[in-house]
Amino acid sequence: MRELFVWYRVDERRADAARAAVESMQRSLARAFPGLQARLLVRHDSDRQTWMETYALLQPSTGGGDGIDAATETAIIAAALPLASLIEGDRHLETFDVVTVH
């Protein structure tokens, strides 16, 4: 199953506004993609924070069972465009496949 991880940096002074925007975006995406589980992780550095959004599709609406597909990934990227003014630099997107240990 494919999962999506997105990390970027946020200035402390913009953290409250950025958090509200990310939480709103993730709620909207969860409504649009049943089974989508979105989380926000935060690491506090000196004068800025490093944030990571994680996305997993546990019950894909398409029935494919492969996790985050291209259409869902594209929707997540598009939904995040308004965050550009609240973050420092670029959003870095990475995907990983879940490996089940037997």
PDB file of N, CA and C in Angstrom:
ATOM      1  N   MET A   1       0.844  -1.167   0.000  1.00  0.00           N
ATOM      2  CA  MET A   1       0.000   0.000   0.000  1.00  0.00           C
ATOM      3  C   MET A   1       0.896   1.239   0.000  1.00  0.00           C
ATOM      4  N   ARG A   2       0.627   2.171  -0.860  1.00  0.00           N
ATOM      5  CA  ARG A   2       1.423   3.382  -1.052  1.00  0.00           C
ATOM      6  C   ARG A   2       0.916   4.499  -0.136  1.00  0.00           C
ATOM      7  N   GLU A   3       1.846   5.127   0.603  1.00  0.00           N
ATOM      8  CA  GLU A   3       1.505   6.258   1.464  1.00  0.00           C
ATOM      9  C   GLU A   3       2.303   7.470   1.027  1.00  0.00           C
ATOM     10  N   LEU A   4       1.790   8.641   1.363  1.00  0.00           N
ATOM     11  CA  LEU A   4       2.383   9.905   0.943  1.00  0.00           C
ATOM     12  C   LEU A   4       2.862  10.678   2.164  1.00  0.00           C
ATOM     13  N   PHE A   5       4.063  11.252   2.055  1.00  0.00           N
ATOM     14  CA  PHE A   5       4.648  12.062   3.126  1.00  0.00           C
ATOM     15  C   PHE A   5       5.093  13.389   2.520  1.00  0.00           C
ATOM     16  N   VAL A   6       4.723  14.487   3.160  1.00  0.00           N
ATOM     17  CA  VAL A   6       5.062  15.815   2.656  1.00  0.00           C
ATOM     18  C   VAL A   6       5.661  16.612   3.810  1.00  0.00           C
ATOM     19  N   TRP A   7       6.882  17.131   3.633  1.00  0.00           N
ATOM     20  CA  TRP A   7       7.481  17.921   4.702  1.00  0.00           C
ATOM     21  C   TRP A   7       7.876  19.297   4.188  1.00  0.00           C
ATOM     22  N   TYR A   8       7.904  20.242   5.121  1.00  0.00           N
ATOM     23  CA  TYR A   8       8.253  21.629   4.813  1.00  0.00           C
ATOM     24  C   TYR A   8       8.481  22.369   6.125  1.00  0.00           C
ATOM     25  N   ARG A   9       8.906  23.609   6.026  1.00  0.00           N
ATOM     26  CA  ARG A   9       9.193  24.400   7.226  1.00  0.00           C
ATOM     27  C   ARG A   9       8.209  25.560   7.354  1.00  0.00           C
ATOM     28  N   VAL A  10       7.921  25.889   8.617  1.00  0.00           N
ATOM     29  CA  VAL A  10       7.001  26.983   8.932  1.00  0.00           C
ATOM     30  C   VAL A  10       7.659  27.885   9.966  1.00  0.00           C
ATOM     31  N   ASP A  11       7.635  29.184   9.723  1.00  0.00           N
ATOM     32  CA  ASP A  11       8.127  30.158  10.685  1.00  0.00           C
ATOM     33  C   ASP A  11       7.192  30.165  11.894  1.00  0.00           C
ATOM     34  N   GLU A  12       7.748  30.254  13.078  1.00  0.00           N
ATOM     35  CA  GLU A  12       6.946  30.269  14.323  1.00  0.00           C
ATOM     36  C   GLU A  12       5.828  31.312  14.269  1.00  0.00           C
ATOM     37  N   ARG A  13       6.102  32.454  13.658  1.00  0.00           N
ATOM     38  CA  ARG A  13       5.111  33.537  13.625  1.00  0.00           C
ATOM     39  C   ARG A  13       3.908  33.213  12.751  1.00  0.00           C
ATOM     40  N   ARG A  14       4.051  32.253  11.856  1.00  0.00           N
ATOM     41  CA  ARG A  14       2.949  31.873  10.967  1.00  0.00           C
ATOM     42  C   ARG A  14       2.334  30.520  11.337  1.00  0.00           C
ATOM     43  N   ALA A  15       2.808  29.931  12.409  1.00  0.00           N
ATOM     44  CA  ALA A  15       2.408  28.569  12.751  1.00  0.00           C
ATOM     45  C   ALA A  15       0.906  28.427  13.000  1.00  0.00           C
ATOM     46  N   ASP A  16       0.303  29.362  13.722  1.00  0.00           N
ATOM     47  CA  ASP A  16      -1.130  29.243  14.005  1.00  0.00           C
ATOM     48  C   ASP A  16      -1.967  29.300  12.734  1.00  0.00           C
ATOM     49  N   ALA A  17      -1.654  30.251  11.860  1.00  0.00           N
ATOM     50  CA  ALA A  17      -2.400  30.376  10.600  1.00  0.00           C
ATOM     51  C   ALA A  17      -2.159  29.165   9.709  1.00  0.00           C
ATOM     52  N   ALA A  18      -0.915  28.698   9.666  1.00  0.00           N
ATOM     53  CA  ALA A  18      -0.604  27.536   8.830  1.00  0.00           C
ATOM     54  C   ALA A  18      -1.309  26.285   9.351  1.00  0.00           C
ATOM     55  N   ARG A  19      -1.326  26.119  10.664  1.00  0.00           N
ATOM     56  CA  ARG A  19      -1.982  24.935  11.229  1.00  0.00           C
ATOM     57  C   ARG A  19      -3.473  24.933  10.916  1.00  0.00           C
ATOM     58  N   ALA A  20      -4.114  26.066  11.057  1.00  0.00           N
ATOM     59  CA  ALA A  20      -5.544  26.155  10.739  1.00  0.00           C
ATOM     60  C   ALA A  20      -5.784  25.818   9.269  1.00  0.00           C
ATOM     61  N   ALA A  21      -4.927  26.313   8.387  1.00  0.00           N
ATOM     62  CA  ALA A  21      -5.092  26.051   6.954  1.00  0.00           C
ATOM     63  C   ALA A  21      -4.866  24.575   6.630  1.00  0.00           C
ATOM     64  N   VAL A  22      -3.843  23.967   7.222  1.00  0.00           N
ATOM     65  CA  VAL A  22      -3.559  22.553   6.955  1.00  0.00           C
ATOM     66  C   VAL A  22      -4.686  21.670   7.497  1.00  0.00           C
ATOM     67  N   GLU A  23      -5.139  21.955   8.709  1.00  0.00           N
ATOM     68  CA  GLU A  23      -6.220  21.141   9.271  1.00  0.00           C
ATOM     69  C   GLU A  23      -7.489  21.255   8.435  1.00  0.00           C
ATOM     70  N   SER A  24      -7.803  22.447   7.960  1.00  0.00           N
ATOM     71  CA  SER A  24      -8.974  22.633   7.098  1.00  0.00           C
ATOM     72  C   SER A  24      -8.808  21.858   5.789  1.00  0.00           C
ATOM     73  N   MET A  25      -7.621  21.944   5.201  1.00  0.00           N
ATOM     74  CA  MET A  25      -7.336  21.230   3.959  1.00  0.00           C
ATOM     75  C   MET A  25      -7.463  19.718   4.162  1.00  0.00           C
ATOM     76  N   GLN A  26      -6.913  19.207   5.248  1.00  0.00           N
ATOM     77  CA  GLN A  26      -6.974  17.768   5.485  1.00  0.00           C
ATOM     78  C   GLN A  26      -8.401  17.285   5.742  1.00  0.00           C
ATOM     79  N   ARG A  27      -9.201  18.074   6.440  1.00  0.00           N
ATOM     80  CA  ARG A  27     -10.617  17.699   6.642  1.00  0.00           C
ATOM     81  C   ARG A  27     -11.352  17.649   5.307  1.00  0.00           C
ATOM     82  N   SER A  28     -11.088  18.625   4.451  1.00  0.00           N
ATOM     83  CA  SER A  28     -11.722  18.668   3.136  1.00  0.00           C
ATOM     84  C   SER A  28     -11.308  17.463   2.289  1.00  0.00           C
ATOM     85  N   LEU A  29     -10.033  17.131   2.309  1.00  0.00           N
ATOM     86  CA  LEU A  29      -9.558  15.962   1.552  1.00  0.00           C
ATOM     87  C   LEU A  29     -10.169  14.667   2.079  1.00  0.00           C
ATOM     88  N   ALA A  30     -10.313  14.549   3.397  1.00  0.00           N
ATOM     89  CA  ALA A  30     -10.900  13.343   3.988  1.00  0.00           C
ATOM     90  C   ALA A  30     -12.364  13.187   3.567  1.00  0.00           C
ATOM     91  N   ARG A  31     -13.048  14.300   3.414  1.00  0.00           N
ATOM     92  CA  ARG A  31     -14.444  14.226   2.929  1.00  0.00           C
ATOM     93  C   ARG A  31     -14.492  13.815   1.459  1.00  0.00           C
ATOM     94  N   ALA A  32     -13.537  14.289   0.685  1.00  0.00           N
ATOM     95  CA  ALA A  32     -13.526  14.003  -0.751  1.00  0.00           C
ATOM     96  C   ALA A  32     -13.065  12.579  -1.067  1.00  0.00           C
ATOM     97  N   PHE A  33     -12.234  12.007  -0.190  1.00  0.00           N
ATOM     98  CA  PHE A  33     -11.677  10.669  -0.419  1.00  0.00           C
ATOM     99  C   PHE A  33     -11.962   9.784   0.789  1.00  0.00           C
ATOM    100  N   PRO A  34     -13.102   9.086   0.769  1.00  0.00           N
ATOM    101  CA  PRO A  34     -13.443   8.211   1.897  1.00  0.00           C
ATOM    102  C   PRO A  34     -12.308   7.224   2.200  1.00  0.00           C
ATOM    103  N   GLY A  35     -11.990   7.091   3.467  1.00  0.00           N
ATOM    104  CA  GLY A  35     -10.922   6.199   3.883  1.00  0.00           C
ATOM    105  C   GLY A  35      -9.566   6.878   3.994  1.00  0.00           C
ATOM    106  N   LEU A  36      -9.468   8.145   3.550  1.00  0.00           N
ATOM    107  CA  LEU A  36      -8.199   8.857   3.635  1.00  0.00           C
ATOM    108  C   LEU A  36      -7.911   9.229   5.085  1.00  0.00           C
ATOM    109  N   GLN A  37      -6.747   8.849   5.546  1.00  0.00           N
ATOM    110  CA  GLN A  37      -6.305   9.227   6.890  1.00  0.00           C
ATOM    111  C   GLN A  37      -5.143  10.195   6.734  1.00  0.00           C
ATOM    112  N   ALA A  38      -5.341  11.410   7.243  1.00  0.00           N
ATOM    113  CA  ALA A  38      -4.336  12.459   7.142  1.00  0.00           C
ATOM    114  C   ALA A  38      -3.891  12.853   8.541  1.00  0.00           C
ATOM    115  N   ARG A  39      -2.586  13.044   8.690  1.00  0.00           N
ATOM    116  CA  ARG A  39      -2.049  13.487   9.974  1.00  0.00           C
ATOM    117  C   ARG A  39      -1.090  14.640   9.735  1.00  0.00           C
ATOM    118  N   LEU A  40      -0.888  15.447  10.788  1.00  0.00           N
ATOM    119  CA  LEU A  40       0.098  16.509  10.769  1.00  0.00           C
ATOM    120  C   LEU A  40       1.054  16.280  11.932  1.00  0.00           C
ATOM    121  N   LEU A  41       2.347  16.165  11.625  1.00  0.00           N
ATOM    122  CA  LEU A  41       3.382  15.991  12.631  1.00  0.00           C
ATOM    123  C   LEU A  41       4.230  17.259  12.649  1.00  0.00           C
ATOM    124  N   VAL A  42       4.644  17.692  13.840  1.00  0.00           N
ATOM    125  CA  VAL A  42       5.410  18.930  13.965  1.00  0.00           C
ATOM    126  C   VAL A  42       6.662  18.681  14.805  1.00  0.00           C
ATOM    127  N   ARG A  43       7.809  19.162  14.303  1.00  0.00           N
ATOM    128  CA  ARG A  43       9.050  19.159  15.068  1.00  0.00           C
ATOM    129  C   ARG A  43       9.421  20.622  15.320  1.00  0.00           C
ATOM    130  N   HIS A  44       9.614  20.963  16.563  1.00  0.00           N
ATOM    131  CA  HIS A  44       9.943  22.337  16.933  1.00  0.00           C
ATOM    132  C   HIS A  44      11.452  22.536  16.892  1.00  0.00           C
ATOM    133  N   ASP A  45      11.895  23.401  15.998  1.00  0.00           N
ATOM    134  CA  ASP A  45      13.298  23.758  15.896  1.00  0.00           C
ATOM    135  C   ASP A  45      13.473  25.114  16.588  1.00  0.00           C
ATOM    136  N   SER A  46      14.561  25.791  16.383  1.00  0.00           N
ATOM    137  CA  SER A  46      14.834  27.034  17.115  1.00  0.00           C
ATOM    138  C   SER A  46      13.815  28.133  16.819  1.00  0.00           C
ATOM    139  N   ASP A  47      13.795  28.648  15.623  1.00  0.00           N
ATOM    140  CA  ASP A  47      12.876  29.741  15.299  1.00  0.00           C
ATOM    141  C   ASP A  47      11.863  29.359  14.228  1.00  0.00           C
ATOM    142  N   ARG A  48      11.861  28.090  13.895  1.00  0.00           N
ATOM    143  CA  ARG A  48      10.887  27.599  12.912  1.00  0.00           C
ATOM    144  C   ARG A  48      10.544  26.167  13.261  1.00  0.00           C
ATOM    145  N   GLN A  49       9.565  25.657  12.555  1.00  0.00           N
ATOM    146  CA  GLN A  49       9.106  24.299  12.793  1.00  0.00           C
ATOM    147  C   GLN A  49       9.221  23.516  11.493  1.00  0.00           C
ATOM    148  N   THR A  50       9.471  22.236  11.619  1.00  0.00           N
ATOM    149  CA  THR A  50       9.428  21.350  10.463  1.00  0.00           C
ATOM    150  C   THR A  50       8.142  20.547  10.587  1.00  0.00           C
ATOM    151  N   TRP A  51       7.342  20.601   9.545  1.00  0.00           N
ATOM    152  CA  TRP A  51       6.053  19.911   9.545  1.00  0.00           C
ATOM    153  C   TRP A  51       6.076  18.768   8.552  1.00  0.00           C
ATOM    154  N   MET A  52       5.340  17.708   8.892  1.00  0.00           N
ATOM    155  CA  MET A  52       5.155  16.603   7.970  1.00  0.00           C
ATOM    156  C   MET A  52       3.691  16.215   7.953  1.00  0.00           C
ATOM    157  N   GLU A  53       3.136  16.219   6.763  1.00  0.00           N
ATOM    158  CA  GLU A  53       1.780  15.705   6.559  1.00  0.00           C
ATOM    159  C   GLU A  53       1.931  14.270   6.079  1.00  0.00           C
ATOM    160  N   THR A  54       1.100  13.385   6.600  1.00  0.00           N
ATOM    161  CA  THR A  54       1.104  12.004   6.125  1.00  0.00           C
ATOM    162  C   THR A  54      -0.289  11.660   5.618  1.00  0.00           C
ATOM    163  N   TYR A  55      -0.325  10.862   4.572  1.00  0.00           N
ATOM    164  CA  TYR A  55      -1.594  10.464   3.964  1.00  0.00           C
ATOM    165  C   TYR A  55      -1.586   8.969   3.662  1.00  0.00           C
ATOM    166  N   ALA A  56      -2.615   8.285   4.134  1.00  0.00           N
ATOM    167  CA  ALA A  56      -2.796   6.863   3.857  1.00  0.00           C
ATOM    168  C   ALA A  56      -4.247   6.658   3.469  1.00  0.00           C
ATOM    169  N   LEU A  57      -4.477   5.827   2.491  1.00  0.00           N
ATOM    170  CA  LEU A  57      -5.830   5.520   2.039  1.00  0.00           C
ATOM    171  C   LEU A  57      -6.114   4.083   2.424  1.00  0.00           C
ATOM    172  N   LEU A  58      -6.788   3.926   3.574  1.00  0.00           N
ATOM    173  CA  LEU A  58      -6.989   2.591   4.129  1.00  0.00           C
ATOM    174  C   LEU A  58      -8.123   1.824   3.466  1.00  0.00           C
ATOM    175  N   GLN A  59      -9.091   2.548   2.961  1.00  0.00           N
ATOM    176  CA  GLN A  59     -10.204   1.916   2.251  1.00  0.00           C
ATOM    177  C   GLN A  59     -10.407   2.683   0.951  1.00  0.00           C
ATOM    178  N   PRO A  60      -9.571   2.425  -0.035  1.00  0.00           N
ATOM    179  CA  PRO A  60      -9.644   3.204  -1.267  1.00  0.00           C
ATOM    180  C   PRO A  60     -11.031   3.206  -1.878  1.00  0.00           C
ATOM    181  N   SER A  61     -11.478   4.400  -2.253  1.00  0.00           N
ATOM    182  CA  SER A  61     -12.802   4.528  -2.862  1.00  0.00           C
ATOM    183  C   SER A  61     -12.860   3.833  -4.217  1.00  0.00           C
ATOM    184  N   THR A  62     -11.709   3.640  -4.862  1.00  0.00           N
ATOM    185  CA  THR A  62     -11.686   2.977  -6.160  1.00  0.00           C
ATOM    186  C   THR A  62     -11.690   1.464  -6.028  1.00  0.00           C
ATOM    187  N   GLY A  63     -11.454   0.967  -4.802  1.00  0.00           N
ATOM    188  CA  GLY A  63     -11.446  -0.471  -4.589  1.00  0.00           C
ATOM    189  C   GLY A  63     -10.151  -1.151  -4.979  1.00  0.00           C
ATOM    190  N   GLY A  64      -9.133  -0.351  -5.382  1.00  0.00           N
ATOM    191  CA  GLY A  64      -7.883  -0.922  -5.840  1.00  0.00           C
ATOM    192  C   GLY A  64      -7.020  -1.488  -4.731  1.00  0.00           C
ATOM    193  N   GLY A  65      -7.092  -0.919  -3.549  1.00  0.00           N
ATOM    194  CA  GLY A  65      -6.339  -1.428  -2.430  1.00  0.00           C
ATOM    195  C   GLY A  65      -4.858  -1.091  -2.434  1.00  0.00           C
ATOM    196  N   ASP A  66      -4.412  -0.210  -3.331  1.00  0.00           N
ATOM    197  CA  ASP A  66      -2.992   0.112  -3.426  1.00  0.00           C
ATOM    198  C   ASP A  66      -2.611   1.383  -2.682  1.00  0.00           C
ATOM    199  N   GLY A  67      -3.533   1.964  -1.931  1.00  0.00           N
ATOM    200  CA  GLY A  67      -3.232   3.172  -1.175  1.00  0.00           C
ATOM    201  C   GLY A  67      -3.404   4.427  -2.002  1.00  0.00           C
ATOM    202  N   ILE A  68      -2.520   5.389  -1.801  1.00  0.00           N
ATOM    203  CA  ILE A  68      -2.621   6.682  -2.477  1.00  0.00           C
ATOM    204  C   ILE A  68      -2.300   6.499  -3.957  1.00  0.00           C
ATOM    205  N   ASP A  69      -3.289   6.726  -4.798  1.00  0.00           N
ATOM    206  CA  ASP A  69      -3.081   6.608  -6.238  1.00  0.00           C
ATOM    207  C   ASP A  69      -2.754   7.986  -6.822  1.00  0.00           C
ATOM    208  N   ALA A  70      -2.525   8.039  -8.114  1.00  0.00           N
ATOM    209  CA  ALA A  70      -2.120   9.285  -8.777  1.00  0.00           C
ATOM    210  C   ALA A  70      -3.188  10.376  -8.650  1.00  0.00           C
ATOM    211  N   ALA A  71      -4.454  10.008  -8.758  1.00  0.00           N
ATOM    212  CA  ALA A  71      -5.524  11.000  -8.667  1.00  0.00           C
ATOM    213  C   ALA A  71      -5.598  11.613  -7.270  1.00  0.00           C
ATOM    214  N   THR A  72      -5.445  10.783  -6.241  1.00  0.00           N
ATOM    215  CA  THR A  72      -5.469  11.283  -4.867  1.00  0.00           C
ATOM    216  C   THR A  72      -4.249  12.158  -4.606  1.00  0.00           C
ATOM    217  N   GLU A  73      -3.089  11.724  -5.072  1.00  0.00           N
ATOM    218  CA  GLU A  73      -1.867  12.519  -4.909  1.00  0.00           C
ATOM    219  C   GLU A  73      -2.011  13.882  -5.589  1.00  0.00           C
ATOM    220  N   THR A  74      -2.548  13.910  -6.792  1.00  0.00           N
ATOM    221  CA  THR A  74      -2.758  15.166  -7.514  1.00  0.00           C
ATOM    222  C   THR A  74      -3.701  16.088  -6.745  1.00  0.00           C
ATOM    223  N   ALA A  75      -4.754  15.527  -6.166  1.00  0.00           N
ATOM    224  CA  ALA A  75      -5.707  16.325  -5.389  1.00  0.00           C
ATOM    225  C   ALA A  75      -5.056  16.903  -4.138  1.00  0.00           C
ATOM    226  N   ILE A  76      -4.198  16.141  -3.488  1.00  0.00           N
ATOM    227  CA  ILE A  76      -3.497  16.622  -2.297  1.00  0.00           C
ATOM    228  C   ILE A  76      -2.561  17.767  -2.668  1.00  0.00           C
ATOM    229  N   ILE A  77      -1.839  17.622  -3.757  1.00  0.00           N
ATOM    230  CA  ILE A  77      -0.921  18.675  -4.214  1.00  0.00           C
ATOM    231  C   ILE A  77      -1.700  19.947  -4.543  1.00  0.00           C
ATOM    232  N   ALA A  78      -2.808  19.804  -5.255  1.00  0.00           N
ATOM    233  CA  ALA A  78      -3.622  20.968  -5.636  1.00  0.00           C
ATOM    234  C   ALA A  78      -4.228  21.646  -4.413  1.00  0.00           C
ATOM    235  N   ALA A  79      -4.694  20.856  -3.460  1.00  0.00           N
ATOM    236  CA  ALA A  79      -5.324  21.424  -2.263  1.00  0.00           C
ATOM    237  C   ALA A  79      -4.328  22.231  -1.434  1.00  0.00           C
ATOM    238  N   ALA A  80      -3.045  21.912  -1.545  1.00  0.00           N
ATOM    239  CA  ALA A  80      -2.017  22.588  -0.748  1.00  0.00           C
ATOM    240  C   ALA A  80      -1.486  23.865  -1.385  1.00  0.00           C
ATOM    241  N   LEU A  81      -1.844  24.163  -2.601  1.00  0.00           N
ATOM    242  CA  LEU A  81      -1.314  25.360  -3.264  1.00  0.00           C
ATOM    243  C   LEU A  81      -1.525  26.644  -2.452  1.00  0.00           C
ATOM    244  N   PRO A  82      -2.681  26.840  -1.810  1.00  0.00           N
ATOM    245  CA  PRO A  82      -2.880  28.066  -1.026  1.00  0.00           C
ATOM    246  C   PRO A  82      -1.966  28.180   0.203  1.00  0.00           C
ATOM    247  N   LEU A  83      -1.289  27.103   0.589  1.00  0.00           N
ATOM    248  CA  LEU A  83      -0.396  27.150   1.743  1.00  0.00           C
ATOM    249  C   LEU A  83       0.925  27.849   1.438  1.00  0.00           C
ATOM    250  N   ALA A  84       1.218  28.090   0.183  1.00  0.00           N
ATOM    251  CA  ALA A  84       2.529  28.613  -0.221  1.00  0.00           C
ATOM    252  C   ALA A  84       2.919  29.886   0.528  1.00  0.00           C
ATOM    253  N   SER A  85       1.968  30.749   0.807  1.00  0.00           N
ATOM    254  CA  SER A  85       2.296  32.008   1.486  1.00  0.00           C
ATOM    255  C   SER A  85       2.526  31.821   2.992  1.00  0.00           C
ATOM    256  N   LEU A  86       2.212  30.650   3.526  1.00  0.00           N
ATOM    257  CA  LEU A  86       2.337  30.399   4.963  1.00  0.00           C
ATOM    258  C   LEU A  86       3.556  29.566   5.331  1.00  0.00           C
ATOM    259  N   ILE A  87       4.243  29.021   4.342  1.00  0.00           N
ATOM    260  CA  ILE A  87       5.378  28.145   4.629  1.00  0.00           C
ATOM    261  C   ILE A  87       6.662  28.750   4.072  1.00  0.00           C
ATOM    262  N   GLU A  88       7.791  28.209   4.540  1.00  0.00           N
ATOM    263  CA  GLU A  88       9.100  28.636   4.043  1.00  0.00           C
ATOM    264  C   GLU A  88       9.593  27.624   3.021  1.00  0.00           C
ATOM    265  N   GLY A  89       9.860  28.088   1.832  1.00  0.00           N
ATOM    266  CA  GLY A  89      10.386  27.189   0.808  1.00  0.00           C
ATOM    267  C   GLY A  89       9.322  26.297   0.210  1.00  0.00           C
ATOM    268  N   ASP A  90       9.779  25.168  -0.287  1.00  0.00           N
ATOM    269  CA  ASP A  90       8.905  24.231  -0.996  1.00  0.00           C
ATOM    270  C   ASP A  90       8.373  23.144  -0.083  1.00  0.00           C
ATOM    271  N   ARG A  91       7.290  22.530  -0.528  1.00  0.00           N
ATOM    272  CA  ARG A  91       6.791  21.303   0.082  1.00  0.00           C
ATOM    273  C   ARG A  91       7.526  20.160  -0.609  1.00  0.00           C
ATOM    274  N   HIS A  92       8.066  19.251   0.171  1.00  0.00           N
ATOM    275  CA  HIS A  92       8.818  18.115  -0.362  1.00  0.00           C
ATOM    276  C   HIS A  92       7.967  16.864  -0.218  1.00  0.00           C
ATOM    277  N   LEU A  93       7.638  16.259  -1.346  1.00  0.00           N
ATOM    278  CA  LEU A  93       6.722  15.130  -1.378  1.00  0.00           C
ATOM    279  C   LEU A  93       7.492  13.835  -1.610  1.00  0.00           C
ATOM    280  N   GLU A  94       7.202  12.844  -0.788  1.00  0.00           N
ATOM    281  CA  GLU A  94       7.814  11.524  -0.942  1.00  0.00           C
ATOM    282  C   GLU A  94       6.744  10.463  -0.760  1.00  0.00           C
ATOM    283  N   THR A  95       6.921   9.348  -1.447  1.00  0.00           N
ATOM    284  CA  THR A  95       5.997   8.228  -1.296  1.00  0.00           C
ATOM    285  C   THR A  95       6.769   7.000  -0.838  1.00  0.00           C
ATOM    286  N   PHE A  96       6.086   6.201  -0.064  1.00  0.00           N
ATOM    287  CA  PHE A  96       6.660   4.948   0.431  1.00  0.00           C
ATOM    288  C   PHE A  96       5.602   3.864   0.325  1.00  0.00           C
ATOM    289  N   ASP A  97       6.050   2.642   0.129  1.00  0.00           N
ATOM    290  CA  ASP A  97       5.166   1.489   0.141  1.00  0.00           C
ATOM    291  C   ASP A  97       5.260   0.823   1.512  1.00  0.00           C
ATOM    292  N   VAL A  98       4.132   0.464   2.068  1.00  0.00           N
ATOM    293  CA  VAL A  98       4.097  -0.239   3.339  1.00  0.00           C
ATOM    294  C   VAL A  98       4.493  -1.680   3.087  1.00  0.00           C
ATOM    295  N   VAL A  99       5.407  -2.183   3.901  1.00  0.00           N
ATOM    296  CA  VAL A  99       5.859  -3.567   3.789  1.00  0.00           C
ATOM    297  C   VAL A  99       5.340  -4.315   5.000  1.00  0.00           C
ATOM    298  N   THR A 100       4.624  -5.369   4.748  1.00  0.00           N
ATOM    299  CA  THR A 100       4.095  -6.180   5.824  1.00  0.00           C
ATOM    300  C   THR A 100       5.120  -7.244   6.195  1.00  0.00           C
ATOM    301  N   VAL A 101       5.477  -7.300   7.463  1.00  0.00           N
ATOM    302  CA  VAL A 101       6.442  -8.281   7.939  1.00  0.00           C
ATOM    303  C   VAL A 101       5.690  -9.564   8.275  1.00  0.00           C
ATOM    304  N   HIS A 102       6.156 -10.658   7.740  1.00  0.00           N
ATOM    305  CA  HIS A 102       5.515 -11.953   7.979  1.00  0.00           C
ATOM    306  C   HIS A 102       6.281 -12.749   8.981  1.00  0.00           C
TER     307      HIS A 102
END
